[in-house]
Amino acid sequence: MKKNYLKIVLGAGIISLVGVWVIDYLAHWLFSNPMETMPYFMVKLALYFVFSILFLLIIKTDKNELLKVVVAGIIVALLFGFYYNIISIIMDKLFDIYFYPFGIALNSLSFLRMGLLGTGLAFGTVHTLVFIGGYYSSKFVLKNL
């Protein structure tokens, strides 16, 4: 089966744009205090774009599509959480370096005043929904391509 690389790149673009600039941006705007920074959204856009290309190239969604998309959403949310939060904690604890290259540290954010664990779980859920919503948006837009 020959892959349609234009459709893959367009699909990844739609996944990342709809996911990050619609779902994630609105979640931060409506529920986050303070609002995240633009560099944060740009880094997330790049990560979701690259991950989406890999997903669309490698994963066959003929069977169990929803399950595969949900698992992929969880994986990309965990990758982003690791990059954005765990690496920062490691750098701080091991090397005494305050390393938050983009955006605001998780412990400085609040999702509806839910505390650190609640905020982390809420944003993890939102970041999973970013991929799921973006994937199905791209599928809808590109269904006739």
N, C-alpha and C. Protein backbone atom coordinates (compact mmCIF):
# COMPACT_ATOMS: atom_id res chain seq x y z
N MET A 1 0.84 -1.18 0.00
CA MET A 1 0.00 0.00 0.00
C MET A 1 0.88 1.25 0.00
N LYS A 2 0.64 2.12 -0.94
CA LYS A 2 1.42 3.35 -1.06
C LYS A 2 0.87 4.41 -0.11
N LYS A 3 1.77 5.07 0.60
CA LYS A 3 1.35 6.10 1.55
C LYS A 3 1.19 7.43 0.82
N ASN A 4 0.21 8.19 1.23
CA ASN A 4 -0.02 9.52 0.69
C ASN A 4 0.65 10.52 1.66
N TYR A 5 1.89 10.89 1.36
CA TYR A 5 2.67 11.72 2.28
C TYR A 5 2.10 13.13 2.43
N LEU A 6 1.51 13.66 1.38
CA LEU A 6 0.87 14.98 1.48
C LEU A 6 -0.28 14.92 2.48
N LYS A 7 -1.09 13.85 2.40
CA LYS A 7 -2.20 13.69 3.33
C LYS A 7 -1.70 13.51 4.76
N ILE A 8 -0.58 12.82 4.94
CA ILE A 8 0.00 12.63 6.27
C ILE A 8 0.46 13.96 6.86
N VAL A 9 1.16 14.76 6.07
CA VAL A 9 1.64 16.06 6.55
C VAL A 9 0.47 17.00 6.82
N LEU A 10 -0.50 17.03 5.91
CA LEU A 10 -1.69 17.87 6.14
C LEU A 10 -2.45 17.39 7.38
N GLY A 11 -2.60 16.09 7.52
CA GLY A 11 -3.29 15.54 8.69
C GLY A 11 -2.57 15.90 9.98
N ALA A 12 -1.25 15.78 9.99
CA ALA A 12 -0.47 16.14 11.18
C ALA A 12 -0.60 17.64 11.48
N GLY A 13 -0.62 18.44 10.43
CA GLY A 13 -0.80 19.88 10.63
C GLY A 13 -2.16 20.20 11.24
N ILE A 14 -3.19 19.54 10.75
CA ILE A 14 -4.53 19.76 11.30
C ILE A 14 -4.61 19.26 12.74
N ILE A 15 -4.04 18.09 13.00
CA ILE A 15 -4.05 17.55 14.38
C ILE A 15 -3.42 18.55 15.34
N SER A 16 -2.23 19.03 14.98
CA SER A 16 -1.53 19.92 15.90
C SER A 16 -2.19 21.29 15.98
N LEU A 17 -2.64 21.84 14.86
CA LEU A 17 -3.26 23.17 14.89
C LEU A 17 -4.59 23.17 15.65
N VAL A 18 -5.47 22.24 15.30
CA VAL A 18 -6.77 22.18 15.99
C VAL A 18 -6.56 21.81 17.46
N GLY A 19 -5.72 20.81 17.70
CA GLY A 19 -5.50 20.37 19.06
C GLY A 19 -4.91 21.44 19.95
N VAL A 20 -3.83 22.06 19.49
CA VAL A 20 -3.12 23.03 20.33
C VAL A 20 -3.82 24.38 20.34
N TRP A 21 -4.17 24.91 19.16
CA TRP A 21 -4.71 26.27 19.11
C TRP A 21 -6.20 26.37 19.40
N VAL A 22 -6.91 25.25 19.39
CA VAL A 22 -8.33 25.30 19.74
C VAL A 22 -8.53 24.66 21.12
N ILE A 23 -8.30 23.36 21.22
CA ILE A 23 -8.61 22.64 22.46
C ILE A 23 -7.72 23.09 23.61
N ASP A 24 -6.41 23.03 23.43
CA ASP A 24 -5.49 23.35 24.53
C ASP A 24 -5.52 24.83 24.88
N TYR A 25 -5.49 25.68 23.86
CA TYR A 25 -5.51 27.11 24.13
C TYR A 25 -6.77 27.51 24.91
N LEU A 26 -7.92 26.99 24.47
CA LEU A 26 -9.17 27.30 25.16
C LEU A 26 -9.17 26.76 26.59
N ALA A 27 -8.63 25.56 26.79
CA ALA A 27 -8.58 25.00 28.15
C ALA A 27 -7.73 25.89 29.05
N HIS A 28 -6.58 26.33 28.55
CA HIS A 28 -5.73 27.21 29.36
C HIS A 28 -6.41 28.56 29.59
N TRP A 29 -7.01 29.10 28.54
CA TRP A 29 -7.64 30.41 28.64
C TRP A 29 -8.81 30.39 29.62
N LEU A 30 -9.60 29.33 29.58
CA LEU A 30 -10.78 29.25 30.44
C LEU A 30 -10.49 28.79 31.86
N PHE A 31 -9.54 27.87 32.04
CA PHE A 31 -9.39 27.20 33.33
C PHE A 31 -8.05 27.41 34.02
N SER A 32 -7.06 27.93 33.34
CA SER A 32 -5.71 28.03 33.90
C SER A 32 -5.46 29.41 34.49
N ASN A 33 -4.75 29.41 35.58
CA ASN A 33 -4.33 30.67 36.18
C ASN A 33 -2.88 30.53 36.63
N PRO A 34 -1.95 31.30 36.09
CA PRO A 34 -2.08 32.29 35.02
C PRO A 34 -2.15 31.62 33.65
N MET A 35 -2.40 32.42 32.62
CA MET A 35 -2.44 31.91 31.25
C MET A 35 -1.04 31.52 30.82
N GLU A 36 -0.92 30.41 30.08
CA GLU A 36 0.39 29.97 29.59
C GLU A 36 0.94 30.96 28.57
N THR A 37 2.24 30.82 28.28
CA THR A 37 2.93 31.73 27.37
C THR A 37 2.85 31.25 25.92
N MET A 38 3.07 32.14 24.97
CA MET A 38 3.08 31.77 23.56
C MET A 38 4.19 30.77 23.23
N PRO A 39 5.41 30.93 23.76
CA PRO A 39 6.43 29.91 23.46
C PRO A 39 6.01 28.51 23.89
N TYR A 40 5.28 28.40 24.98
CA TYR A 40 4.76 27.11 25.44
C TYR A 40 3.89 26.47 24.35
N PHE A 41 2.98 27.25 23.80
CA PHE A 41 2.09 26.72 22.77
C PHE A 41 2.85 26.39 21.48
N MET A 42 3.88 27.15 21.16
CA MET A 42 4.66 26.89 19.95
C MET A 42 5.45 25.58 20.09
N VAL A 43 6.04 25.35 21.26
CA VAL A 43 6.77 24.10 21.49
C VAL A 43 5.79 22.92 21.44
N LYS A 44 4.64 23.08 22.05
CA LYS A 44 3.64 22.00 22.04
C LYS A 44 3.17 21.74 20.61
N LEU A 45 2.97 22.79 19.83
CA LEU A 45 2.57 22.64 18.44
C LEU A 45 3.59 21.82 17.67
N ALA A 46 4.87 22.11 17.85
CA ALA A 46 5.94 21.37 17.17
C ALA A 46 5.96 19.90 17.61
N LEU A 47 5.87 19.65 18.92
CA LEU A 47 5.88 18.28 19.42
C LEU A 47 4.68 17.49 18.88
N TYR A 48 3.51 18.06 18.93
CA TYR A 48 2.33 17.35 18.44
C TYR A 48 2.40 17.13 16.93
N PHE A 49 2.98 18.06 16.19
CA PHE A 49 3.13 17.90 14.74
C PHE A 49 4.04 16.72 14.43
N VAL A 50 5.20 16.68 15.07
CA VAL A 50 6.15 15.58 14.83
C VAL A 50 5.53 14.24 15.26
N PHE A 51 4.94 14.21 16.44
CA PHE A 51 4.31 12.98 16.93
C PHE A 51 3.20 12.53 15.98
N SER A 52 2.42 13.48 15.48
CA SER A 52 1.31 13.15 14.58
C SER A 52 1.80 12.57 13.27
N ILE A 53 2.88 13.11 12.75
CA ILE A 53 3.47 12.54 11.53
C ILE A 53 3.88 11.10 11.78
N LEU A 54 4.58 10.86 12.89
CA LEU A 54 5.01 9.50 13.22
C LEU A 54 3.81 8.57 13.39
N PHE A 55 2.80 9.03 14.09
CA PHE A 55 1.60 8.22 14.29
C PHE A 55 0.95 7.87 12.96
N LEU A 56 0.76 8.87 12.10
CA LEU A 56 0.08 8.63 10.82
C LEU A 56 0.92 7.77 9.88
N LEU A 57 2.24 7.83 10.00
CA LEU A 57 3.12 6.99 9.18
C LEU A 57 3.15 5.54 9.65
N ILE A 58 3.13 5.33 10.94
CA ILE A 58 3.41 4.00 11.50
C ILE A 58 2.16 3.21 11.85
N ILE A 59 1.19 3.84 12.46
CA ILE A 59 0.04 3.13 13.02
C ILE A 59 -1.05 2.94 11.97
N LYS A 60 -1.51 1.71 11.87
CA LYS A 60 -2.65 1.39 11.00
C LYS A 60 -3.90 1.42 11.88
N THR A 61 -4.85 2.25 11.52
CA THR A 61 -6.05 2.42 12.36
C THR A 61 -7.27 1.71 11.79
N ASP A 62 -7.03 0.69 10.96
CA ASP A 62 -8.16 -0.04 10.38
C ASP A 62 -9.01 -0.71 11.46
N LYS A 63 -8.35 -1.30 12.45
CA LYS A 63 -9.05 -1.98 13.55
C LYS A 63 -8.73 -1.26 14.85
N ASN A 64 -9.69 -1.18 15.72
CA ASN A 64 -9.52 -0.57 17.04
C ASN A 64 -9.01 0.88 16.95
N GLU A 65 -9.57 1.65 16.03
CA GLU A 65 -9.11 3.01 15.80
C GLU A 65 -9.17 3.87 17.06
N LEU A 66 -10.31 3.89 17.72
CA LEU A 66 -10.47 4.74 18.90
C LEU A 66 -9.45 4.38 19.98
N LEU A 67 -9.28 3.10 20.23
CA LEU A 67 -8.31 2.67 21.24
C LEU A 67 -6.90 3.13 20.89
N LYS A 68 -6.51 2.97 19.63
CA LYS A 68 -5.18 3.38 19.20
C LYS A 68 -5.00 4.90 19.31
N VAL A 69 -6.02 5.64 18.97
CA VAL A 69 -5.95 7.11 19.06
C VAL A 69 -5.87 7.56 20.51
N VAL A 70 -6.66 6.93 21.39
CA VAL A 70 -6.62 7.28 22.81
C VAL A 70 -5.25 6.95 23.40
N VAL A 71 -4.71 5.77 23.10
CA VAL A 71 -3.38 5.40 23.61
C VAL A 71 -2.32 6.36 23.07
N ALA A 72 -2.41 6.72 21.80
CA ALA A 72 -1.46 7.69 21.24
C ALA A 72 -1.60 9.04 21.92
N GLY A 73 -2.82 9.45 22.21
CA GLY A 73 -3.04 10.71 22.94
C GLY A 73 -2.41 10.68 24.31
N ILE A 74 -2.55 9.56 25.01
CA ILE A 74 -1.93 9.42 26.33
C ILE A 74 -0.41 9.45 26.22
N ILE A 75 0.13 8.77 25.21
CA ILE A 75 1.59 8.74 25.04
C ILE A 75 2.13 10.14 24.76
N VAL A 76 1.52 10.88 23.84
CA VAL A 76 2.03 12.22 23.53
C VAL A 76 1.85 13.16 24.71
N ALA A 77 0.77 12.99 25.48
CA ALA A 77 0.58 13.81 26.68
C ALA A 77 1.66 13.50 27.71
N LEU A 78 2.00 12.22 27.87
CA LEU A 78 3.07 11.84 28.79
C LEU A 78 4.43 12.36 28.33
N LEU A 79 4.69 12.29 27.02
CA LEU A 79 5.95 12.82 26.48
C LEU A 79 6.06 14.32 26.75
N PHE A 80 4.97 15.03 26.51
CA PHE A 80 4.99 16.47 26.76
C PHE A 80 5.14 16.75 28.24
N GLY A 81 4.44 16.01 29.07
CA GLY A 81 4.57 16.18 30.52
C GLY A 81 5.97 15.88 31.00
N PHE A 82 6.60 14.84 30.42
CA PHE A 82 7.97 14.51 30.79
C PHE A 82 8.91 15.65 30.40
N TYR A 83 8.78 16.10 29.15
CA TYR A 83 9.63 17.20 28.69
C TYR A 83 9.43 18.44 29.54
N TYR A 84 8.18 18.75 29.78
CA TYR A 84 7.87 20.04 30.38
C TYR A 84 8.00 20.06 31.90
N ASN A 85 7.78 18.93 32.55
CA ASN A 85 7.78 18.91 34.02
C ASN A 85 8.90 18.07 34.62
N ILE A 86 9.06 16.83 34.17
CA ILE A 86 10.02 15.93 34.78
C ILE A 86 11.45 16.37 34.51
N ILE A 87 11.77 16.74 33.29
CA ILE A 87 13.13 17.21 32.99
C ILE A 87 13.45 18.44 33.84
N SER A 88 12.48 19.31 34.01
CA SER A 88 12.69 20.51 34.83
C SER A 88 13.00 20.15 36.28
N ILE A 89 12.28 19.18 36.82
CA ILE A 89 12.52 18.75 38.21
C ILE A 89 13.89 18.11 38.33
N ILE A 90 14.26 17.26 37.36
CA ILE A 90 15.57 16.62 37.37
C ILE A 90 16.68 17.67 37.33
N MET A 91 16.54 18.62 36.43
CA MET A 91 17.56 19.67 36.32
C MET A 91 17.68 20.46 37.62
N ASP A 92 16.55 20.74 38.24
CA ASP A 92 16.55 21.51 39.49
C ASP A 92 17.16 20.70 40.63
N LYS A 93 16.76 19.44 40.79
CA LYS A 93 17.21 18.63 41.92
C LYS A 93 18.64 18.13 41.76
N LEU A 94 19.01 17.70 40.57
CA LEU A 94 20.35 17.13 40.38
C LEU A 94 21.42 18.19 40.12
N PHE A 95 21.08 19.20 39.36
CA PHE A 95 22.09 20.15 38.92
C PHE A 95 21.87 21.56 39.45
N ASP A 96 20.83 21.75 40.25
CA ASP A 96 20.50 23.05 40.82
C ASP A 96 20.35 24.12 39.73
N ILE A 97 19.74 23.71 38.63
CA ILE A 97 19.49 24.60 37.50
C ILE A 97 18.00 24.79 37.37
N TYR A 98 17.55 26.01 37.39
CA TYR A 98 16.14 26.31 37.17
C TYR A 98 15.89 26.27 35.67
N PHE A 99 15.31 25.18 35.19
CA PHE A 99 15.19 24.92 33.76
C PHE A 99 13.73 24.82 33.35
N TYR A 100 13.15 25.91 32.95
CA TYR A 100 11.84 25.94 32.33
C TYR A 100 11.98 26.73 31.05
N PRO A 101 12.37 26.05 29.98
CA PRO A 101 12.72 26.77 28.75
C PRO A 101 11.56 27.52 28.12
N PHE A 102 10.36 27.04 28.30
CA PHE A 102 9.20 27.68 27.70
C PHE A 102 8.05 27.58 28.68
N GLY A 103 7.30 28.63 28.83
CA GLY A 103 6.10 28.56 29.63
C GLY A 103 6.34 28.71 31.12
N ILE A 104 5.38 28.25 31.88
CA ILE A 104 5.33 28.40 33.33
C ILE A 104 5.43 27.02 33.96
N ALA A 105 6.16 26.89 35.05
CA ALA A 105 6.29 25.62 35.74
C ALA A 105 4.93 25.15 36.24
N LEU A 106 4.72 23.82 36.21
CA LEU A 106 3.44 23.27 36.63
C LEU A 106 3.08 23.69 38.05
N ASN A 107 4.06 23.75 38.95
CA ASN A 107 3.74 24.11 40.32
C ASN A 107 3.38 25.59 40.47
N SER A 108 3.48 26.36 39.38
CA SER A 108 3.06 27.77 39.39
C SER A 108 1.73 27.98 38.69
N LEU A 109 1.14 26.89 38.17
CA LEU A 109 -0.14 26.95 37.48
C LEU A 109 -1.24 26.37 38.35
N SER A 110 -2.45 26.76 38.06
CA SER A 110 -3.59 26.17 38.75
C SER A 110 -4.71 25.95 37.75
N PHE A 111 -5.26 24.75 37.76
CA PHE A 111 -6.42 24.42 36.94
C PHE A 111 -7.61 24.42 37.87
N LEU A 112 -8.40 25.47 37.85
CA LEU A 112 -9.56 25.64 38.72
C LEU A 112 -9.20 25.43 40.20
N ARG A 113 -8.01 25.87 40.58
CA ARG A 113 -7.51 25.80 41.97
C ARG A 113 -7.53 24.38 42.53
N MET A 114 -7.16 23.40 41.68
CA MET A 114 -7.21 21.99 42.08
C MET A 114 -5.94 21.50 42.74
N GLY A 115 -4.95 22.35 42.95
CA GLY A 115 -3.71 21.90 43.54
C GLY A 115 -2.80 21.28 42.49
N LEU A 116 -1.59 20.93 42.90
CA LEU A 116 -0.58 20.43 41.96
C LEU A 116 -1.00 19.12 41.30
N LEU A 117 -1.43 18.13 42.08
CA LEU A 117 -1.81 16.84 41.52
C LEU A 117 -3.05 16.98 40.63
N GLY A 118 -4.06 17.67 41.10
CA GLY A 118 -5.27 17.87 40.31
C GLY A 118 -5.00 18.64 39.02
N THR A 119 -4.14 19.66 39.11
CA THR A 119 -3.77 20.43 37.93
C THR A 119 -3.02 19.55 36.93
N GLY A 120 -2.09 18.75 37.43
CA GLY A 120 -1.33 17.85 36.56
C GLY A 120 -2.24 16.84 35.87
N LEU A 121 -3.17 16.25 36.61
CA LEU A 121 -4.10 15.29 36.01
C LEU A 121 -5.04 15.98 35.02
N ALA A 122 -5.51 17.16 35.36
CA ALA A 122 -6.41 17.89 34.47
C ALA A 122 -5.72 18.23 33.16
N PHE A 123 -4.50 18.77 33.25
CA PHE A 123 -3.80 19.13 32.02
C PHE A 123 -3.34 17.89 31.25
N GLY A 124 -3.04 16.81 31.95
CA GLY A 124 -2.73 15.56 31.26
C GLY A 124 -3.93 15.07 30.45
N THR A 125 -5.11 15.19 31.04
CA THR A 125 -6.34 14.82 30.34
C THR A 125 -6.58 15.74 29.14
N VAL A 126 -6.39 17.03 29.35
CA VAL A 126 -6.57 17.98 28.24
C VAL A 126 -5.57 17.68 27.13
N HIS A 127 -4.32 17.40 27.47
CA HIS A 127 -3.30 17.13 26.45
C HIS A 127 -3.60 15.84 25.70
N THR A 128 -4.22 14.88 26.36
CA THR A 128 -4.66 13.67 25.66
C THR A 128 -5.79 14.02 24.70
N LEU A 129 -6.73 14.83 25.16
CA LEU A 129 -7.85 15.25 24.31
C LEU A 129 -7.39 16.11 23.14
N VAL A 130 -6.27 16.81 23.30
CA VAL A 130 -5.70 17.60 22.20
C VAL A 130 -5.43 16.69 21.01
N PHE A 131 -4.78 15.55 21.27
CA PHE A 131 -4.47 14.64 20.17
C PHE A 131 -5.73 13.99 19.62
N ILE A 132 -6.61 13.52 20.50
CA ILE A 132 -7.83 12.85 20.05
C ILE A 132 -8.70 13.80 19.22
N GLY A 133 -8.94 14.99 19.74
CA GLY A 133 -9.75 15.97 19.01
C GLY A 133 -9.11 16.39 17.71
N GLY A 134 -7.80 16.58 17.73
CA GLY A 134 -7.09 16.94 16.51
C GLY A 134 -7.13 15.83 15.47
N TYR A 135 -6.98 14.58 15.93
CA TYR A 135 -7.00 13.44 15.00
C TYR A 135 -8.35 13.34 14.30
N TYR A 136 -9.42 13.39 15.07
CA TYR A 136 -10.74 13.24 14.45
C TYR A 136 -11.12 14.48 13.63
N SER A 137 -10.59 15.64 13.97
CA SER A 137 -10.80 16.83 13.13
C SER A 137 -10.10 16.65 11.79
N SER A 138 -8.88 16.14 11.82
CA SER A 138 -8.14 15.94 10.56
C SER A 138 -8.81 14.88 9.73
N LYS A 139 -9.32 13.85 10.36
CA LYS A 139 -10.00 12.77 9.64
C LYS A 139 -11.25 13.33 8.94
N PHE A 140 -11.99 14.19 9.65
CA PHE A 140 -13.18 14.81 9.07
C PHE A 140 -12.82 15.71 7.89
N VAL A 141 -11.79 16.54 8.06
CA VAL A 141 -11.41 17.49 7.01
C VAL A 141 -10.85 16.77 5.78
N LEU A 142 -10.06 15.72 6.02
CA LEU A 142 -9.36 15.05 4.91
C LEU A 142 -10.07 13.81 4.39
N LYS A 143 -11.31 13.58 4.77
CA LYS A 143 -11.98 12.33 4.41
C LYS A 143 -12.11 12.11 2.91
N ASN A 144 -12.14 13.16 2.12
CA ASN A 144 -12.29 13.02 0.67
C ASN A 144 -11.00 13.24 -0.10
N LEU A 145 -9.90 13.37 0.61
CA LEU A 145 -8.61 13.62 -0.06
C LEU A 145 -7.91 12.32 -0.38
